[in-house]
Amino acid sequence: MSGTDRTATLIDDPRHRRAILWAVGIALMAVVASVSGLNVAQPQLSTTFGASQGEVLWIINTYTLTLAALLLPLGAAGDR
């Protein structure tokens, strides 16, 4: 099958689209809540691990990017 023969699968049912939107929104809220918790715990992380504020910021940013990057692919895998 060539690249021009493939067609995108469209979701025509509005209820199904709404359910997908809710699922992605709830997952995104979980990521935001998790990152907010890390930002509140930033001073404690710095003290516990003996890390500078810059190192703690790198830890939080890496965690955030990892969660956000895995959100859609793992959601797609869960749908299949």
PDB file of N, CA and C in Angstrom:
ATOM      1  N   MET A   1       0.848  -1.174   0.000  1.00  0.00           N
ATOM      2  CA  MET A   1       0.000   0.000   0.000  1.00  0.00           C
ATOM      3  C   MET A   1       0.896   1.240   0.000  1.00  0.00           C
ATOM      4  N   SER A   2       0.721   2.101  -0.922  1.00  0.00           N
ATOM      5  CA  SER A   2       1.547   3.305  -0.997  1.00  0.00           C
ATOM      6  C   SER A   2       0.996   4.376  -0.063  1.00  0.00           C
ATOM      7  N   GLY A   3       1.774   5.426   0.135  1.00  0.00           N
ATOM      8  CA  GLY A   3       1.382   6.508   1.041  1.00  0.00           C
ATOM      9  C   GLY A   3       0.146   7.242   0.585  1.00  0.00           C
ATOM     10  N   THR A   4      -0.140   7.249  -0.729  1.00  0.00           N
ATOM     11  CA  THR A   4      -1.303   7.970  -1.224  1.00  0.00           C
ATOM     12  C   THR A   4      -2.579   7.148  -1.122  1.00  0.00           C
ATOM     13  N   ASP A   5      -2.458   5.824  -0.954  1.00  0.00           N
ATOM     14  CA  ASP A   5      -3.637   4.968  -0.878  1.00  0.00           C
ATOM     15  C   ASP A   5      -4.248   4.937   0.519  1.00  0.00           C
ATOM     16  N   ARG A   6      -3.473   5.299   1.505  1.00  0.00           N
ATOM     17  CA  ARG A   6      -3.974   5.235   2.876  1.00  0.00           C
ATOM     18  C   ARG A   6      -4.919   6.406   3.139  1.00  0.00           C
ATOM     19  N   THR A   7      -5.966   6.127   3.886  1.00  0.00           N
ATOM     20  CA  THR A   7      -6.894   7.187   4.284  1.00  0.00           C
ATOM     21  C   THR A   7      -6.958   7.214   5.802  1.00  0.00           C
ATOM     22  N   ALA A   8      -7.148   8.375   6.343  1.00  0.00           N
ATOM     23  CA  ALA A   8      -7.241   8.525   7.791  1.00  0.00           C
ATOM     24  C   ALA A   8      -8.596   8.019   8.269  1.00  0.00           C
ATOM     25  N   THR A   9      -8.589   7.373   9.410  1.00  0.00           N
ATOM     26  CA  THR A   9      -9.827   6.915  10.005  1.00  0.00           C
ATOM     27  C   THR A   9     -10.447   8.081  10.753  1.00  0.00           C
ATOM     28  N   LEU A  10     -11.656   8.441  10.371  1.00  0.00           N
ATOM     29  CA  LEU A  10     -12.344   9.551  11.010  1.00  0.00           C
ATOM     30  C   LEU A  10     -13.351   9.023  12.014  1.00  0.00           C
ATOM     31  N   ILE A  11     -13.488   9.744  13.090  1.00  0.00           N
ATOM     32  CA  ILE A  11     -14.487   9.405  14.097  1.00  0.00           C
ATOM     33  C   ILE A  11     -15.648  10.353  13.901  1.00  0.00           C
ATOM     34  N   ASP A  12     -16.742   9.812  13.378  1.00  0.00           N
ATOM     35  CA  ASP A  12     -17.896  10.644  13.060  1.00  0.00           C
ATOM     36  C   ASP A  12     -18.885  10.787  14.215  1.00  0.00           C
ATOM     37  N   ASP A  13     -18.842   9.863  15.165  1.00  0.00           N
ATOM     38  CA  ASP A  13     -19.789   9.889  16.272  1.00  0.00           C
ATOM     39  C   ASP A  13     -19.385  10.968  17.283  1.00  0.00           C
ATOM     40  N   PRO A  14     -20.223  11.989  17.487  1.00  0.00           N
ATOM     41  CA  PRO A  14     -19.873  13.058  18.431  1.00  0.00           C
ATOM     42  C   PRO A  14     -19.676  12.559  19.865  1.00  0.00           C
ATOM     43  N   ARG A  15     -20.411  11.517  20.263  1.00  0.00           N
ATOM     44  CA  ARG A  15     -20.256  10.983  21.621  1.00  0.00           C
ATOM     45  C   ARG A  15     -18.881  10.360  21.803  1.00  0.00           C
ATOM     46  N   HIS A  16     -18.417   9.683  20.766  1.00  0.00           N
ATOM     47  CA  HIS A  16     -17.088   9.062  20.829  1.00  0.00           C
ATOM     48  C   HIS A  16     -16.002  10.137  20.874  1.00  0.00           C
ATOM     49  N   ARG A  17     -16.158  11.171  20.081  1.00  0.00           N
ATOM     50  CA  ARG A  17     -15.196  12.286  20.109  1.00  0.00           C
ATOM     51  C   ARG A  17     -15.165  12.950  21.480  1.00  0.00           C
ATOM     52  N   ARG A  18     -16.344  13.141  22.058  1.00  0.00           N
ATOM     53  CA  ARG A  18     -16.431  13.764  23.374  1.00  0.00           C
ATOM     54  C   ARG A  18     -15.756  12.888  24.434  1.00  0.00           C
ATOM     55  N   ALA A  19     -15.942  11.582  24.339  1.00  0.00           N
ATOM     56  CA  ALA A  19     -15.319  10.660  25.295  1.00  0.00           C
ATOM     57  C   ALA A  19     -13.791  10.706  25.174  1.00  0.00           C
ATOM     58  N   ILE A  20     -13.295  10.785  23.957  1.00  0.00           N
ATOM     59  CA  ILE A  20     -11.853  10.882  23.745  1.00  0.00           C
ATOM     60  C   ILE A  20     -11.322  12.188  24.329  1.00  0.00           C
ATOM     61  N   LEU A  21     -12.039  13.272  24.099  1.00  0.00           N
ATOM     62  CA  LEU A  21     -11.622  14.568  24.637  1.00  0.00           C
ATOM     63  C   LEU A  21     -11.582  14.539  26.156  1.00  0.00           C
ATOM     64  N   TRP A  22     -12.585  13.945  26.777  1.00  0.00           N
ATOM     65  CA  TRP A  22     -12.601  13.834  28.233  1.00  0.00           C
ATOM     66  C   TRP A  22     -11.423  13.010  28.732  1.00  0.00           C
ATOM     67  N   ALA A  23     -11.136  11.893  28.077  1.00  0.00           N
ATOM     68  CA  ALA A  23     -10.033  11.024  28.507  1.00  0.00           C
ATOM     69  C   ALA A  23      -8.690  11.749  28.426  1.00  0.00           C
ATOM     70  N   VAL A  24      -8.467  12.447  27.331  1.00  0.00           N
ATOM     71  CA  VAL A  24      -7.208  13.185  27.172  1.00  0.00           C
ATOM     72  C   VAL A  24      -7.140  14.336  28.177  1.00  0.00           C
ATOM     73  N   GLY A  25      -8.249  15.009  28.403  1.00  0.00           N
ATOM     74  CA  GLY A  25      -8.283  16.102  29.367  1.00  0.00           C
ATOM     75  C   GLY A  25      -7.992  15.641  30.788  1.00  0.00           C
ATOM     76  N   ILE A  26      -8.570  14.513  31.183  1.00  0.00           N
ATOM     77  CA  ILE A  26      -8.326  13.976  32.526  1.00  0.00           C
ATOM     78  C   ILE A  26      -6.870  13.540  32.674  1.00  0.00           C
ATOM     79  N   ALA A  27      -6.319  12.924  31.638  1.00  0.00           N
ATOM     80  CA  ALA A  27      -4.913  12.525  31.684  1.00  0.00           C
ATOM     81  C   ALA A  27      -4.010  13.749  31.790  1.00  0.00           C
ATOM     82  N   LEU A  28      -4.332  14.794  31.072  1.00  0.00           N
ATOM     83  CA  LEU A  28      -3.542  16.018  31.144  1.00  0.00           C
ATOM     84  C   LEU A  28      -3.653  16.662  32.525  1.00  0.00           C
ATOM     85  N   MET A  29      -4.835  16.627  33.116  1.00  0.00           N
ATOM     86  CA  MET A  29      -4.990  17.166  34.467  1.00  0.00           C
ATOM     87  C   MET A  29      -4.154  16.372  35.468  1.00  0.00           C
ATOM     88  N   ALA A  30      -4.026  15.067  35.271  1.00  0.00           N
ATOM     89  CA  ALA A  30      -3.184  14.255  36.152  1.00  0.00           C
ATOM     90  C   ALA A  30      -1.723  14.671  36.035  1.00  0.00           C
ATOM     91  N   VAL A  31      -1.267  14.954  34.821  1.00  0.00           N
ATOM     92  CA  VAL A  31       0.106  15.413  34.622  1.00  0.00           C
ATOM     93  C   VAL A  31       0.312  16.759  35.305  1.00  0.00           C
ATOM     94  N   VAL A  32      -0.621  17.675  35.139  1.00  0.00           N
ATOM     95  CA  VAL A  32      -0.503  19.006  35.747  1.00  0.00           C
ATOM     96  C   VAL A  32      -0.500  18.898  37.274  1.00  0.00           C
ATOM     97  N   ALA A  33      -1.361  18.059  37.834  1.00  0.00           N
ATOM     98  CA  ALA A  33      -1.403  17.884  39.291  1.00  0.00           C
ATOM     99  C   ALA A  33      -0.097  17.285  39.804  1.00  0.00           C
ATOM    100  N   SER A  34       0.444  16.344  39.079  1.00  0.00           N
ATOM    101  CA  SER A  34       1.703  15.718  39.468  1.00  0.00           C
ATOM    102  C   SER A  34       2.849  16.718  39.451  1.00  0.00           C
ATOM    103  N   VAL A  35       2.917  17.516  38.418  1.00  0.00           N
ATOM    104  CA  VAL A  35       3.977  18.522  38.309  1.00  0.00           C
ATOM    105  C   VAL A  35       3.793  19.607  39.372  1.00  0.00           C
ATOM    106  N   SER A  36       2.572  19.974  39.662  1.00  0.00           N
ATOM    107  CA  SER A  36       2.323  20.959  40.716  1.00  0.00           C
ATOM    108  C   SER A  36       2.814  20.446  42.056  1.00  0.00           C
ATOM    109  N   GLY A  37       2.597  19.171  42.315  1.00  0.00           N
ATOM    110  CA  GLY A  37       3.100  18.565  43.549  1.00  0.00           C
ATOM    111  C   GLY A  37       4.612  18.604  43.619  1.00  0.00           C
ATOM    112  N   LEU A  38       5.269  18.366  42.503  1.00  0.00           N
ATOM    113  CA  LEU A  38       6.731  18.439  42.476  1.00  0.00           C
ATOM    114  C   LEU A  38       7.217  19.866  42.717  1.00  0.00           C
ATOM    115  N   ASN A  39       6.530  20.834  42.166  1.00  0.00           N
ATOM    116  CA  ASN A  39       6.931  22.222  42.374  1.00  0.00           C
ATOM    117  C   ASN A  39       6.766  22.642  43.830  1.00  0.00           C
ATOM    118  N   VAL A  40       5.743  22.138  44.499  1.00  0.00           N
ATOM    119  CA  VAL A  40       5.554  22.435  45.919  1.00  0.00           C
ATOM    120  C   VAL A  40       6.659  21.770  46.744  1.00  0.00           C
ATOM    121  N   ALA A  41       7.073  20.570  46.329  1.00  0.00           N
ATOM    122  CA  ALA A  41       8.094  19.821  47.062  1.00  0.00           C
ATOM    123  C   ALA A  41       9.515  20.200  46.666  1.00  0.00           C
ATOM    124  N   GLN A  42       9.678  21.206  45.851  1.00  0.00           N
ATOM    125  CA  GLN A  42      10.996  21.588  45.340  1.00  0.00           C
ATOM    126  C   GLN A  42      12.021  21.866  46.449  1.00  0.00           C
ATOM    127  N   PRO A  43      11.697  22.624  47.480  1.00  0.00           N
ATOM    128  CA  PRO A  43      12.682  22.848  48.540  1.00  0.00           C
ATOM    129  C   PRO A  43      13.077  21.554  49.267  1.00  0.00           C
ATOM    130  N   GLN A  44      12.104  20.684  49.498  1.00  0.00           N
ATOM    131  CA  GLN A  44      12.387  19.418  50.176  1.00  0.00           C
ATOM    132  C   GLN A  44      13.259  18.515  49.308  1.00  0.00           C
ATOM    133  N   LEU A  45      13.012  18.494  48.001  1.00  0.00           N
ATOM    134  CA  LEU A  45      13.857  17.711  47.088  1.00  0.00           C
ATOM    135  C   LEU A  45      15.287  18.214  47.111  1.00  0.00           C
ATOM    136  N   SER A  46      15.443  19.509  47.135  1.00  0.00           N
ATOM    137  CA  SER A  46      16.770  20.105  47.159  1.00  0.00           C
ATOM    138  C   SER A  46      17.511  19.709  48.428  1.00  0.00           C
ATOM    139  N   THR A  47      16.836  19.740  49.559  1.00  0.00           N
ATOM    140  CA  THR A  47      17.458  19.386  50.833  1.00  0.00           C
ATOM    141  C   THR A  47      17.760  17.895  50.912  1.00  0.00           C
ATOM    142  N   THR A  48      16.806  17.066  50.495  1.00  0.00           N
ATOM    143  CA  THR A  48      16.955  15.618  50.605  1.00  0.00           C
ATOM    144  C   THR A  48      18.086  15.092  49.731  1.00  0.00           C
ATOM    145  N   PHE A  49      18.141  15.529  48.492  1.00  0.00           N
ATOM    146  CA  PHE A  49      19.131  15.011  47.555  1.00  0.00           C
ATOM    147  C   PHE A  49      20.406  15.845  47.496  1.00  0.00           C
ATOM    148  N   GLY A  50      20.436  16.947  48.212  1.00  0.00           N
ATOM    149  CA  GLY A  50      21.606  17.813  48.185  1.00  0.00           C
ATOM    150  C   GLY A  50      21.840  18.424  46.815  1.00  0.00           C
ATOM    151  N   ALA A  51      20.769  18.669  46.103  1.00  0.00           N
ATOM    152  CA  ALA A  51      20.860  19.212  44.747  1.00  0.00           C
ATOM    153  C   ALA A  51      20.650  20.721  44.769  1.00  0.00           C
ATOM    154  N   SER A  52      21.257  21.381  43.795  1.00  0.00           N
ATOM    155  CA  SER A  52      21.025  22.820  43.661  1.00  0.00           C
ATOM    156  C   SER A  52      19.641  23.045  43.061  1.00  0.00           C
ATOM    157  N   GLN A  53      19.181  24.283  43.126  1.00  0.00           N
ATOM    158  CA  GLN A  53      17.866  24.592  42.558  1.00  0.00           C
ATOM    159  C   GLN A  53      17.839  24.324  41.057  1.00  0.00           C
ATOM    160  N   GLY A  54      18.961  24.568  40.391  1.00  0.00           N
ATOM    161  CA  GLY A  54      19.033  24.279  38.953  1.00  0.00           C
ATOM    162  C   GLY A  54      18.899  22.794  38.659  1.00  0.00           C
ATOM    163  N   GLU A  55      19.525  21.965  39.479  1.00  0.00           N
ATOM    164  CA  GLU A  55      19.414  20.512  39.291  1.00  0.00           C
ATOM    165  C   GLU A  55      18.001  20.022  39.568  1.00  0.00           C
ATOM    166  N   VAL A  56      17.370  20.580  40.593  1.00  0.00           N
ATOM    167  CA  VAL A  56      15.980  20.208  40.895  1.00  0.00           C
ATOM    168  C   VAL A  56      15.064  20.626  39.748  1.00  0.00           C
ATOM    169  N   LEU A  57      15.330  21.790  39.181  1.00  0.00           N
ATOM    170  CA  LEU A  57      14.541  22.245  38.034  1.00  0.00           C
ATOM    171  C   LEU A  57      14.690  21.295  36.853  1.00  0.00           C
ATOM    172  N   TRP A  58      15.912  20.805  36.599  1.00  0.00           N
ATOM    173  CA  TRP A  58      16.125  19.819  35.542  1.00  0.00           C
ATOM    174  C   TRP A  58      15.344  18.538  35.819  1.00  0.00           C
ATOM    175  N   ILE A  59      15.326  18.101  37.069  1.00  0.00           N
ATOM    176  CA  ILE A  59      14.580  16.887  37.434  1.00  0.00           C
ATOM    177  C   ILE A  59      13.096  17.079  37.146  1.00  0.00           C
ATOM    178  N   ILE A  60      12.552  18.205  37.567  1.00  0.00           N
ATOM    179  CA  ILE A  60      11.119  18.468  37.372  1.00  0.00           C
ATOM    180  C   ILE A  60      10.784  18.589  35.888  1.00  0.00           C
ATOM    181  N   ASN A  61      11.620  19.287  35.124  1.00  0.00           N
ATOM    182  CA  ASN A  61      11.358  19.442  33.689  1.00  0.00           C
ATOM    183  C   ASN A  61      11.456  18.117  32.949  1.00  0.00           C
ATOM    184  N   THR A  62      12.431  17.285  33.320  1.00  0.00           N
ATOM    185  CA  THR A  62      12.557  15.965  32.695  1.00  0.00           C
ATOM    186  C   THR A  62      11.330  15.114  32.991  1.00  0.00           C
ATOM    187  N   TYR A  63      10.879  15.137  34.229  1.00  0.00           N
ATOM    188  CA  TYR A  63       9.685  14.396  34.623  1.00  0.00           C
ATOM    189  C   TYR A  63       8.467  14.866  33.829  1.00  0.00           C
ATOM    190  N   THR A  64       8.310  16.180  33.722  1.00  0.00           N
ATOM    191  CA  THR A  64       7.169  16.747  32.996  1.00  0.00           C
ATOM    192  C   THR A  64       7.195  16.367  31.526  1.00  0.00           C
ATOM    193  N   LEU A  65       8.331  16.519  30.879  1.00  0.00           N
ATOM    194  CA  LEU A  65       8.436  16.191  29.451  1.00  0.00           C
ATOM    195  C   LEU A  65       8.214  14.702  29.201  1.00  0.00           C
ATOM    196  N   THR A  66       8.724  13.861  30.095  1.00  0.00           N
ATOM    197  CA  THR A  66       8.527  12.421  29.934  1.00  0.00           C
ATOM    198  C   THR A  66       7.053  12.062  30.024  1.00  0.00           C
ATOM    199  N   LEU A  67       6.369  12.578  31.036  1.00  0.00           N
ATOM    200  CA  LEU A  67       4.936  12.288  31.171  1.00  0.00           C
ATOM    201  C   LEU A  67       4.139  12.812  29.980  1.00  0.00           C
ATOM    202  N   ALA A  68       4.421  14.038  29.572  1.00  0.00           N
ATOM    203  CA  ALA A  68       3.677  14.625  28.459  1.00  0.00           C
ATOM    204  C   ALA A  68       3.961  13.891  27.149  1.00  0.00           C
ATOM    205  N   ALA A  69       5.217  13.473  26.944  1.00  0.00           N
ATOM    206  CA  ALA A  69       5.564  12.783  25.701  1.00  0.00           C
ATOM    207  C   ALA A  69       4.941  11.397  25.634  1.00  0.00           C
ATOM    208  N   LEU A  70       4.752  10.754  26.764  1.00  0.00           N
ATOM    209  CA  LEU A  70       4.190   9.403  26.771  1.00  0.00           C
ATOM    210  C   LEU A  70       2.669   9.386  26.831  1.00  0.00           C
ATOM    211  N   LEU A  71       2.065  10.526  27.074  1.00  0.00           N
ATOM    212  CA  LEU A  71       0.613  10.580  27.266  1.00  0.00           C
ATOM    213  C   LEU A  71      -0.151  10.095  26.030  1.00  0.00           C
ATOM    214  N   LEU A  72       0.112  10.650  24.873  1.00  0.00           N
ATOM    215  CA  LEU A  72      -0.625  10.255  23.665  1.00  0.00           C
ATOM    216  C   LEU A  72      -0.250   8.865  23.148  1.00  0.00           C
ATOM    217  N   PRO A  73       1.032   8.504  23.059  1.00  0.00           N
ATOM    218  CA  PRO A  73       1.340   7.153  22.556  1.00  0.00           C
ATOM    219  C   PRO A  73       0.782   6.044  23.457  1.00  0.00           C
ATOM    220  N   LEU A  74       0.876   6.214  24.764  1.00  0.00           N
ATOM    221  CA  LEU A  74       0.337   5.178  25.654  1.00  0.00           C
ATOM    222  C   LEU A  74      -1.190   5.163  25.624  1.00  0.00           C
ATOM    223  N   GLY A  75      -1.796   6.321  25.431  1.00  0.00           N
ATOM    224  CA  GLY A  75      -3.248   6.365  25.263  1.00  0.00           C
ATOM    225  C   GLY A  75      -3.692   5.647  23.993  1.00  0.00           C
ATOM    226  N   ALA A  76      -2.944   5.848  22.918  1.00  0.00           N
ATOM    227  CA  ALA A  76      -3.255   5.149  21.663  1.00  0.00           C
ATOM    228  C   ALA A  76      -3.069   3.640  21.819  1.00  0.00           C
ATOM    229  N   ALA A  77      -2.011   3.261  22.521  1.00  0.00           N
ATOM    230  CA  ALA A  77      -1.782   1.822  22.766  1.00  0.00           C
ATOM    231  C   ALA A  77      -2.905   1.240  23.614  1.00  0.00           C
ATOM    232  N   GLY A  78      -3.391   2.019  24.579  1.00  0.00           N
ATOM    233  CA  GLY A  78      -4.499   1.552  25.415  1.00  0.00           C
ATOM    234  C   GLY A  78      -5.787   1.406  24.622  1.00  0.00           C
ATOM    235  N   ASP A  79      -5.983   2.237  23.619  1.00  0.00           N
ATOM    236  CA  ASP A  79      -7.179   2.129  22.784  1.00  0.00           C
ATOM    237  C   ASP A  79      -7.169   0.877  21.927  1.00  0.00           C
ATOM    238  N   ARG A  80      -5.973   0.463  21.538  1.00  0.00           N
ATOM    239  CA  ARG A  80      -5.865  -0.716  20.666  1.00  0.00           C
ATOM    240  C   ARG A  80      -5.995  -1.970  21.475  1.00  0.00           C
TER     241      ARG A  80
END
